[in-house]
């Protein structure tokens, strides 16, 4: 996420960070690089101009000249101005209304409205403890209703089954009546999209808005379309009283132009980001955390929240107990549990994206050492073992290895590598018992195929 922009901005700001004194010349040179980085990231030109001007005015002012570390102060200004561009703070959904609170989803076809509707239902159920109903009023796209019904079942939300032959307004009213009878807290209405903004589409959604009086009208837009996303959002905001924007496919957006342009062009806050295809891959949009990621300072707060939400507390406590004993009872069942916990956290890429200093080459180096594909393979191997083999790996002889390889679709060398890694982890735990953190770091060196990049120590975060 924002990979290209992070790399360009990091390179631009690197030279000025250590400066003891900032002059008009070195500030102008750095701002020129920042401007190019933002334009290449497909940030809208008016946004780039106002951003660069704001940074320039503050950098040449008293707050930098009187600072003990002008270079770091300049970086602080860039960070604060990025936050300002994206909207200061997260703006959550305003659901303070007589139930059911209606959330209307708008956007172009292919932006991911239907999937986002299901993701939002899951978010509200799991984090806000709301009773949610979904309904699709898209009577034009084949299988649109069936798609949302399937996703509703997956996220365990109620779904209003409608007749696709009826008009969207009738379906919406029937769903609202059903939601009232079922004492639903939130009704999410997935509307039809078009390939482009057209008058018929706008009239239909304006009619639905007037009929339902939604507390939230969210515009769903593909982040990978860059500043086009901001321009489309502006067209919708002129036709509808939008309350916020959801950026989808943000995990695939290496540029970041949409995230930096939408708020300033539309005046509407970005409320959520879609960070993957799975129904749990929806994150609240925090401008300060995103600015921190863009400047390669990590997003440790989001990482901590994710750990608290997704890590199985009982399994974690069980592992801690075994660690205190020096890994004496640590077996392949525990090893598999750790792989699954990592997968729930979004895999290696999801973790590295939130760690400070992990952009560009550093992220690639760590990615080569440990890949999500390798984790999937390791889990398949462990699943192909018997419970007895998982508990007592020393029992796994040649014939057992052949059977496990056949069951997991892997080679004998893959089985040997896994067992070697497991033994390395056990050794590392014994070293931890003695309180030696440095010993543990050295022990990690042999855990992964081929060791860590360059044969050296793991990256220090």
Protein backbone atom coordinates (compact mmCIF):
# COMPACT_ATOMS: atom_id res chain seq x y z
CA UNK A 1 0.00 0.00 0.00
CA UNK A 2 1.37 3.44 -1.05
CA UNK A 3 4.66 1.66 -1.88
CA UNK A 4 5.71 3.97 -4.74
CA UNK A 5 4.81 7.14 -2.85
CA UNK A 6 6.57 5.96 0.32
CA UNK A 7 9.77 5.17 -1.59
CA UNK A 8 9.79 8.51 -3.43
CA UNK A 9 8.99 10.60 -0.35
CA UNK A 10 11.53 8.71 1.79
CA UNK A 11 14.22 9.41 -0.81
CA UNK A 12 13.19 13.08 -1.05
CA UNK A 13 13.19 13.66 2.70
CA UNK A 14 16.32 11.62 3.46
CA UNK A 15 18.76 14.42 2.62
CA UNK A 16 17.01 17.05 4.69
CA UNK A 17 16.39 14.97 7.83
CA UNK A 18 19.87 15.46 9.25
CA UNK A 19 20.25 19.15 8.31
CA UNK A 20 21.29 21.38 11.19
CA UNK A 21 20.02 24.42 9.33
CA UNK A 22 17.30 24.79 6.71
CA UNK A 23 17.71 27.37 3.98
CA UNK A 24 15.44 28.51 1.19
CA UNK A 25 17.61 26.53 -1.25
CA UNK A 26 17.53 23.12 0.42
CA UNK A 27 13.83 23.46 1.25
CA UNK A 28 12.99 24.38 -2.37
CA UNK A 29 14.96 21.39 -3.69
CA UNK A 30 13.23 18.97 -1.32
CA UNK A 31 9.78 20.42 -2.03
CA UNK A 32 10.40 20.02 -5.76
CA UNK A 33 11.05 16.30 -5.14
CA UNK A 34 7.97 16.04 -2.90
CA UNK A 35 5.84 17.70 -5.59
CA UNK A 36 7.07 15.21 -8.22
CA UNK A 37 6.45 12.28 -5.85
CA UNK A 38 2.85 13.40 -5.27
CA UNK A 39 2.15 13.99 -8.98
CA UNK A 40 3.57 10.56 -9.85
CA UNK A 41 1.27 9.10 -7.17
CA UNK A 42 -1.66 10.56 -9.19
CA UNK A 43 -2.62 13.07 -6.51
CA UNK A 44 -4.87 15.81 -7.96
CA UNK A 45 -2.91 18.94 -9.02
CA UNK A 46 -4.88 21.43 -6.82
CA UNK A 47 -4.18 19.18 -3.80
CA UNK A 48 -0.45 19.02 -4.64
CA UNK A 49 -0.23 22.80 -5.04
CA UNK A 50 -1.94 23.62 -1.74
CA UNK A 51 0.01 20.92 0.12
CA UNK A 52 3.42 22.07 -1.12
CA UNK A 53 2.58 25.72 -0.45
CA UNK A 54 1.45 24.95 3.13
CA UNK A 55 4.63 22.98 3.85
CA UNK A 56 6.78 25.76 2.32
CA UNK A 57 5.17 28.54 4.37
CA UNK A 58 5.53 26.62 7.64
CA UNK A 59 9.10 25.45 6.84
CA UNK A 60 10.39 28.97 6.26
CA UNK A 61 8.65 30.21 9.41
CA UNK A 62 9.68 30.54 13.04
CA UNK A 63 8.77 26.96 14.09
CA UNK A 64 11.65 25.51 12.02
CA UNK A 65 14.30 28.22 12.40
CA UNK A 66 14.01 28.08 16.22
CA UNK A 67 13.98 24.27 16.34
CA UNK A 68 16.94 22.33 17.76
CA UNK A 69 16.59 19.81 14.92
CA UNK A 70 15.26 21.59 11.81
CA UNK A 71 15.47 18.48 9.60
CA UNK A 72 13.19 16.47 11.90
CA UNK A 73 10.93 19.48 12.35
CA UNK A 74 10.51 19.65 8.56
CA UNK A 75 9.49 15.95 8.53
CA UNK A 76 6.99 16.68 11.32
CA UNK A 77 5.46 19.47 9.21
CA UNK A 78 5.12 17.16 6.18
CA UNK A 79 3.44 14.56 8.41
CA UNK A 80 1.00 17.10 9.88
CA UNK A 81 0.12 18.52 6.45
CA UNK A 82 -0.53 15.00 5.09
CA UNK A 83 -2.94 14.44 8.00
CA UNK A 84 -4.59 17.80 7.26
CA UNK A 85 -5.11 16.85 3.58
CA UNK A 86 -6.72 13.52 4.50
CA UNK A 87 -9.02 14.88 7.19
CA UNK A 88 -7.41 15.17 10.65
CA UNK A 89 -9.18 12.25 12.39
CA UNK A 90 -11.26 9.17 11.71
CA UNK A 91 -14.95 9.95 11.33
CA UNK A 92 -17.01 6.93 12.35
CA UNK A 93 -20.52 6.13 11.16
CA UNK A 94 -23.25 8.18 12.81
CA UNK A 95 -25.88 5.56 13.63
CA UNK A 96 -27.71 7.60 16.28
CA UNK A 97 -31.17 7.24 14.83
CA UNK A 98 -34.40 5.40 15.56
CA UNK A 99 -33.72 1.83 14.40
CA UNK A 100 -33.32 0.75 11.75
CA UNK A 101 -30.60 3.25 10.79
CA UNK A 102 -30.35 3.12 6.99
CA UNK A 103 -26.93 3.11 5.27
CA UNK A 104 -27.14 3.75 1.51
CA UNK A 105 -24.26 2.48 -0.63
CA UNK A 106 -23.57 4.38 -3.88
CA UNK A 107 -20.91 4.11 -6.58
CA UNK A 108 -19.98 2.98 -10.07
CA UNK A 109 -20.18 -0.60 -11.28
CA UNK A 110 -17.07 -2.63 -10.46
CA UNK A 111 -16.01 -0.41 -7.53
CA UNK A 112 -16.86 -3.18 -5.05
CA UNK A 113 -20.15 -1.91 -3.57
CA UNK A 114 -21.68 -5.35 -2.98
CA UNK A 115 -18.59 -6.81 -1.29
CA UNK A 116 -18.16 -3.61 0.75
CA UNK A 117 -21.80 -3.82 1.90
CA UNK A 118 -21.11 -7.30 3.31
CA UNK A 119 -17.78 -6.17 4.84
CA UNK A 120 -19.56 -3.27 6.53
CA UNK A 121 -22.26 -5.63 7.87
CA UNK A 122 -19.55 -7.80 9.39
CA UNK A 123 -17.75 -4.77 10.84
CA UNK A 124 -20.95 -3.48 12.49
CA UNK A 125 -21.84 -6.93 13.84
CA UNK A 126 -18.42 -7.77 15.27
CA UNK A 127 -17.13 -4.39 16.44
CA UNK A 128 -20.29 -2.38 17.10
CA UNK A 129 -22.48 -5.36 18.18
CA UNK A 130 -25.28 -4.27 15.84
CA UNK A 131 -28.06 -6.42 14.38
CA UNK A 132 -27.71 -5.91 10.61
CA UNK A 133 -29.90 -6.58 7.57
CA UNK A 134 -28.70 -6.37 3.96
CA UNK A 135 -30.78 -5.75 0.84
CA UNK A 136 -29.88 -5.32 -2.82
CA UNK A 137 -31.97 -3.01 -5.02
CA UNK A 138 -29.77 -3.72 -8.06
CA UNK A 139 -32.33 -5.16 -10.47
CA UNK A 140 -30.10 -4.60 -13.52
CA UNK A 141 -26.92 -6.59 -12.96
CA UNK A 142 -27.43 -10.35 -13.34
CA UNK A 143 -26.85 -12.26 -10.08
CA UNK A 144 -26.26 -9.06 -8.06
CA UNK A 145 -28.93 -10.03 -5.54
CA UNK A 146 -27.68 -13.61 -5.30
CA UNK A 147 -24.13 -12.39 -4.72
CA UNK A 148 -25.19 -10.24 -1.76
CA UNK A 149 -27.37 -13.04 -0.37
CA UNK A 150 -24.35 -15.40 -0.44
CA UNK A 151 -22.12 -12.81 1.25
CA UNK A 152 -24.81 -12.07 3.87
CA UNK A 153 -24.83 -15.77 4.81
CA UNK A 154 -21.03 -15.72 5.07
CA UNK A 155 -21.00 -12.76 7.49
CA UNK A 156 -24.10 -14.09 9.31
CA UNK A 157 -26.23 -11.01 8.66
CA UNK A 158 -29.94 -11.04 7.81
CA UNK A 159 -30.81 -10.70 4.13
CA UNK A 160 -34.06 -9.44 2.64
CA UNK A 161 -34.99 -11.62 -0.35
CA UNK A 162 -36.63 -9.45 -3.03
CA UNK A 163 -38.32 -10.00 -6.37
CA UNK A 164 -35.94 -8.69 -9.09
CA UNK A 165 -38.96 -7.86 -11.28
CA UNK A 166 -40.03 -5.10 -8.89
CA UNK A 167 -38.81 -1.51 -8.91
CA UNK A 168 -35.89 -0.58 -6.61
CA UNK A 169 -38.09 1.84 -4.63
CA UNK A 170 -40.64 -0.91 -3.84
CA UNK A 171 -37.89 -3.35 -2.80
CA UNK A 172 -36.31 -0.70 -0.55
CA UNK A 173 -39.63 0.03 1.19
CA UNK A 174 -40.36 -3.67 1.72
CA UNK A 175 -36.88 -4.18 3.19
CA UNK A 176 -37.33 -1.19 5.52
CA UNK A 177 -40.67 -2.58 6.76
CA UNK A 178 -39.09 -6.03 7.29
CA UNK A 179 -36.16 -4.49 9.17
CA UNK A 180 -38.56 -2.69 11.53
CA UNK A 181 -40.48 -5.90 12.24
CA UNK A 182 -37.24 -7.82 12.90
CA UNK A 183 -35.97 -5.07 15.27
CA UNK A 184 -32.85 -4.62 13.16
CA UNK A 185 -30.36 -1.89 14.21
CA UNK A 186 -28.91 -1.15 10.75
CA UNK A 187 -30.28 -1.70 7.23
CA UNK A 188 -27.58 -1.58 4.51
CA UNK A 189 -28.98 -0.87 1.03
CA UNK A 190 -26.76 -1.90 -1.91
CA UNK A 191 -27.77 0.18 -4.95
CA UNK A 192 -27.15 -0.39 -8.65
CA UNK A 193 -23.99 0.90 -10.26
CA UNK A 194 -23.30 2.02 -13.82
CA UNK A 195 -20.15 2.02 -15.93
CA UNK A 196 -20.22 5.83 -15.89
CA UNK A 197 -22.10 8.63 -14.14
CA UNK A 198 -25.42 8.98 -15.99
CA UNK A 199 -28.63 10.90 -15.39
CA UNK A 200 -30.88 7.85 -15.01
CA UNK A 201 -28.63 6.40 -12.33
CA UNK A 202 -28.53 9.66 -10.39
CA UNK A 203 -32.30 10.09 -10.54
CA UNK A 204 -32.87 6.57 -9.20
CA UNK A 205 -30.48 6.92 -6.27
CA UNK A 206 -31.82 10.43 -5.48
CA UNK A 207 -35.32 8.92 -5.36
CA UNK A 208 -34.11 6.14 -3.01
CA UNK A 209 -32.38 8.69 -0.80
CA UNK A 210 -35.52 10.83 -0.50
CA UNK A 211 -37.59 7.74 0.28
CA UNK A 212 -35.30 6.12 2.88
CA UNK A 213 -33.75 9.22 4.56
CA UNK A 214 -30.49 7.34 5.30
CA UNK A 215 -28.31 8.38 8.24
CA UNK A 216 -25.24 7.54 6.13
CA UNK A 217 -24.79 7.75 2.35
CA UNK A 218 -21.43 6.21 1.50
CA UNK A 219 -19.72 6.55 -1.85
CA UNK A 220 -17.73 3.41 -2.70
CA UNK A 221 -14.80 4.01 -5.05
CA UNK A 222 -11.83 2.04 -6.37
CA UNK A 223 -8.63 3.53 -4.88
CA UNK A 224 -6.60 2.29 -7.85
CA UNK A 225 -8.28 4.81 -10.18
CA UNK A 226 -6.24 7.59 -8.53
CA UNK A 227 -7.48 11.15 -8.94
CA UNK A 228 -10.34 9.85 -11.14
CA UNK A 229 -11.72 8.42 -7.88
CA UNK A 230 -11.79 11.93 -6.40
CA UNK A 231 -13.42 13.40 -9.52
CA UNK A 232 -16.14 10.71 -9.58
CA UNK A 233 -16.75 11.21 -5.86
CA UNK A 234 -17.15 14.95 -6.54
CA UNK A 235 -19.79 14.24 -9.24
CA UNK A 236 -21.74 12.05 -6.80
CA UNK A 237 -21.43 14.53 -3.94
CA UNK A 238 -22.98 17.22 -6.13
CA UNK A 239 -25.99 14.97 -6.82
CA UNK A 240 -26.30 13.34 -3.38
CA UNK A 241 -25.73 14.51 0.21
CA UNK A 242 -22.86 12.07 0.77
CA UNK A 243 -21.69 11.56 4.35
CA UNK A 244 -18.48 9.72 3.55
CA UNK A 245 -16.31 7.71 1.18
CA UNK A 246 -15.09 4.09 1.23
CA UNK A 247 -11.86 3.40 -0.68
CA UNK A 248 -11.80 -0.16 -2.00
CA UNK A 249 -8.75 -2.15 -3.24
CA UNK A 250 -6.48 0.10 -1.16
CA UNK A 251 -4.15 -2.87 -0.58
CA UNK A 252 -3.36 -2.88 -4.32
CA UNK A 253 -2.92 0.90 -4.55
CA UNK A 254 0.84 1.48 -4.73
CA UNK A 255 0.36 5.17 -5.58
CA UNK A 256 -2.05 6.60 -3.00
CA UNK A 257 -3.49 9.40 -5.17
CA UNK A 258 -7.11 8.71 -4.19
CA UNK A 259 -6.45 8.71 -0.44
CA UNK A 260 -4.68 12.06 -0.71
CA UNK A 261 -7.18 13.71 -3.06
CA UNK A 262 -10.71 12.61 -2.09
CA UNK A 263 -11.15 14.64 1.10
CA UNK A 264 -9.91 17.95 -0.27
CA UNK A 265 -11.78 17.69 -3.60
CA UNK A 266 -15.13 16.48 -2.21
CA UNK A 267 -15.06 17.84 1.32
CA UNK A 268 -16.29 14.38 2.41
CA UNK A 269 -14.34 12.22 4.89
CA UNK A 270 -12.89 8.82 3.98
CA UNK A 271 -14.50 6.54 6.56
CA UNK A 272 -13.20 3.11 5.56
CA UNK A 273 -10.61 1.35 3.39
CA UNK A 274 -11.02 -2.08 1.79
CA UNK A 275 -7.73 -3.95 2.33
CA UNK A 276 -8.40 -7.26 0.58
CA UNK A 277 -11.08 -9.54 -0.81
CA UNK A 278 -12.07 -11.27 2.45
CA UNK A 279 -15.12 -10.02 4.33
CA UNK A 280 -13.05 -9.02 7.36
CA UNK A 281 -10.75 -6.84 5.21
CA UNK A 282 -12.31 -3.47 6.04
CA UNK A 283 -10.41 -0.93 8.14
CA UNK A 284 -11.54 2.43 9.56
CA UNK A 285 -9.58 5.23 7.87
CA UNK A 286 -7.27 7.06 10.29
CA UNK A 287 -5.49 9.96 8.50
CA UNK A 288 -2.69 10.14 11.11
CA UNK A 289 -1.93 6.43 10.78
CA UNK A 290 -2.01 6.54 6.98
CA UNK A 291 0.34 9.56 6.97
CA UNK A 292 2.68 7.59 9.22
CA UNK A 293 2.63 4.64 6.77
CA UNK A 294 3.26 6.93 3.80
CA UNK A 295 6.33 8.43 5.53
CA UNK A 296 7.58 4.90 6.39
CA UNK A 297 7.08 5.44 10.13
CA UNK A 298 4.80 2.42 10.43
CA UNK A 299 1.34 2.04 11.94
CA UNK A 300 1.95 0.29 15.24
CA UNK A 301 -1.41 1.38 16.73
CA UNK A 302 -3.37 -0.46 14.01
CA UNK A 303 -1.07 -3.45 14.45
CA UNK A 304 -1.76 -3.57 18.20
CA UNK A 305 -5.53 -3.28 17.62
CA UNK A 306 -5.35 -6.07 15.05
CA UNK A 307 -3.46 -8.33 17.46
CA UNK A 308 -6.00 -7.69 20.21
CA UNK A 309 -8.89 -8.40 17.86
CA UNK A 310 -7.60 -11.36 15.86
CA UNK A 311 -5.19 -13.30 18.08
CA UNK A 312 -6.73 -16.20 20.00
CA UNK A 313 -6.08 -15.22 23.64
CA UNK A 314 -6.25 -18.78 25.01
CA UNK A 315 -3.78 -20.11 22.44
CA UNK A 316 -1.48 -17.14 23.08
CA UNK A 317 -1.53 -17.77 26.86
CA UNK A 318 -0.87 -21.48 26.25
CA UNK A 319 2.19 -20.58 24.14
CA UNK A 320 3.48 -18.15 26.79
CA UNK A 321 3.27 -20.92 29.41
CA UNK A 322 5.30 -23.23 27.16
CA UNK A 323 7.83 -20.46 26.49
CA UNK A 324 8.38 -20.03 30.23
CA UNK A 325 9.23 -23.72 30.39
CA UNK A 326 11.76 -23.28 27.61
CA UNK A 327 9.51 -24.79 24.94
CA UNK A 328 9.58 -28.18 26.64
CA UNK A 329 6.01 -29.11 25.58
CA UNK A 330 6.02 -27.06 22.35
CA UNK A 331 4.84 -29.34 19.51
CA UNK A 332 3.77 -29.10 15.87
CA UNK A 333 0.15 -28.39 16.90
CA UNK A 334 1.43 -25.20 18.58
CA UNK A 335 3.60 -24.44 15.55
CA UNK A 336 0.54 -24.71 13.29
CA UNK A 337 -1.47 -22.45 15.64
CA UNK A 338 1.19 -19.74 15.23
CA UNK A 339 1.04 -20.05 11.43
CA UNK A 340 -2.76 -19.67 11.54
CA UNK A 341 -2.53 -16.63 13.83
CA UNK A 342 -0.11 -15.03 11.37
CA UNK A 343 -2.53 -15.75 8.51
CA UNK A 344 -5.40 -14.12 10.46
CA UNK A 345 -3.26 -11.01 10.81
CA UNK A 346 -3.09 -10.60 7.03
CA UNK A 347 0.06 -12.63 6.47
CA UNK A 348 3.60 -11.33 6.21
CA UNK A 349 2.71 -8.48 3.81
CA UNK A 350 0.00 -7.19 6.17
CA UNK A 351 2.42 -7.11 9.10
CA UNK A 352 5.37 -5.57 7.25
CA UNK A 353 3.15 -2.79 5.90
CA UNK A 354 2.52 -1.60 9.48
CA UNK A 355 6.09 -1.84 10.77
CA UNK A 356 8.36 1.25 10.77
CA UNK A 357 11.21 1.37 8.25
CA UNK A 358 9.94 -1.56 6.21
CA UNK A 359 9.41 0.10 2.83
CA UNK A 360 11.18 -0.77 -0.40
CA UNK A 361 14.27 -2.97 -0.17
CA UNK A 362 13.84 -3.81 3.51
CA UNK A 363 10.33 -5.19 2.91
CA UNK A 364 11.52 -7.17 -0.12
CA UNK A 365 14.40 -8.68 1.86
CA UNK A 366 12.14 -9.79 4.70
CA UNK A 367 9.54 -11.03 2.18
CA UNK A 368 12.12 -13.27 0.52
CA UNK A 369 13.02 -14.83 3.85
CA UNK A 370 9.43 -15.61 4.84
CA UNK A 371 6.55 -15.75 2.35
CA UNK A 372 2.82 -16.39 2.84
CA UNK A 373 3.08 -19.21 0.29
CA UNK A 374 5.64 -20.92 2.51
CA UNK A 375 3.26 -20.63 5.49
CA UNK A 376 0.43 -22.27 3.52
CA UNK A 377 2.75 -25.14 2.55
CA UNK A 378 3.92 -25.63 6.13
CA UNK A 379 0.34 -25.73 7.40
CA UNK A 380 -0.60 -28.31 4.72
CA UNK A 381 2.32 -30.53 5.80
CA UNK A 382 1.33 -30.38 9.50
CA UNK A 383 -2.33 -31.10 8.61
CA UNK A 384 -1.20 -34.25 6.77
CA UNK A 385 0.36 -35.66 9.95
CA UNK A 386 -1.42 -37.78 12.56
CA UNK A 387 -2.10 -36.18 15.98
CA UNK A 388 0.58 -38.48 17.43
CA UNK A 389 3.16 -37.29 14.86
CA UNK A 390 2.37 -33.65 15.64
CA UNK A 391 2.95 -34.26 19.34
CA UNK A 392 6.08 -36.38 18.87
CA UNK A 393 7.85 -35.24 15.65
CA UNK A 394 10.87 -37.49 16.40
CA UNK A 395 8.69 -40.46 15.42
CA UNK A 396 8.52 -39.23 11.81
CA UNK A 397 10.77 -41.65 9.89
CA UNK A 398 11.37 -42.07 6.13
CA UNK A 399 8.16 -43.96 5.34
CA UNK A 400 6.06 -41.50 7.35
CA UNK A 401 7.69 -38.60 5.52
CA UNK A 402 6.71 -40.15 2.17
CA UNK A 403 3.09 -40.50 3.33
CA UNK A 404 2.99 -36.89 4.64
CA UNK A 405 4.53 -35.58 1.40
CA UNK A 406 1.90 -37.43 -0.66
CA UNK A 407 -0.94 -36.11 1.54
CA UNK A 408 0.23 -32.50 1.41
CA UNK A 409 1.34 -32.41 -2.24
CA UNK A 410 4.92 -31.55 -1.27
CA UNK A 411 8.42 -33.05 -1.62
CA UNK A 412 10.53 -34.91 0.97
CA UNK A 413 12.89 -31.93 1.22
CA UNK A 414 9.91 -29.73 2.22
CA UNK A 415 9.13 -32.11 5.11
CA UNK A 416 12.79 -32.15 6.20
CA UNK A 417 12.95 -28.33 6.03
CA UNK A 418 9.83 -27.96 8.21
CA UNK A 419 11.16 -30.39 10.84
CA UNK A 420 14.49 -28.56 10.85
CA UNK A 421 12.72 -25.19 11.33
CA UNK A 422 10.65 -26.67 14.16
CA UNK A 423 13.78 -27.94 15.92
CA UNK A 424 15.37 -24.48 15.49
CA UNK A 425 12.31 -22.91 17.12
CA UNK A 426 12.53 -25.35 20.06
CA UNK A 427 16.22 -24.47 20.51
CA UNK A 428 15.37 -20.78 20.38
CA UNK A 429 12.80 -21.25 23.15
CA UNK A 430 15.39 -22.94 25.37
CA UNK A 431 17.65 -19.92 24.90
CA UNK A 432 14.76 -17.60 25.80
CA UNK A 433 14.31 -19.47 29.08
CA UNK A 434 17.79 -18.33 30.08
CA UNK A 435 16.72 -14.73 29.42
CA UNK A 436 19.02 -14.22 26.46
CA UNK A 437 17.23 -12.02 23.90
CA UNK A 438 20.36 -11.78 21.78
CA UNK A 439 20.63 -15.57 21.84
CA UNK A 440 17.04 -15.77 20.61
CA UNK A 441 17.76 -13.37 17.73
CA UNK A 442 20.73 -15.49 16.70
CA UNK A 443 18.53 -18.59 16.94
CA UNK A 444 16.05 -17.04 14.50
CA UNK A 445 18.80 -16.95 11.87
CA UNK A 446 18.38 -20.64 11.06
CA UNK A 447 14.58 -20.78 11.28
CA UNK A 448 13.87 -19.98 7.65
CA UNK A 449 14.98 -21.56 4.35
CA UNK A 450 18.41 -20.22 3.43
CA UNK A 451 18.59 -18.18 6.64
CA UNK A 452 17.83 -14.47 6.79
CA UNK A 453 18.68 -12.23 3.80
CA UNK A 454 22.43 -11.97 3.26
CA UNK A 455 22.96 -14.68 5.87
CA UNK A 456 22.89 -12.05 8.62
CA UNK A 457 20.67 -11.16 11.52
CA UNK A 458 16.91 -10.59 11.11
CA UNK A 459 15.85 -6.97 10.55
CA UNK A 460 15.51 -5.03 13.80
CA UNK A 461 12.12 -3.31 13.96
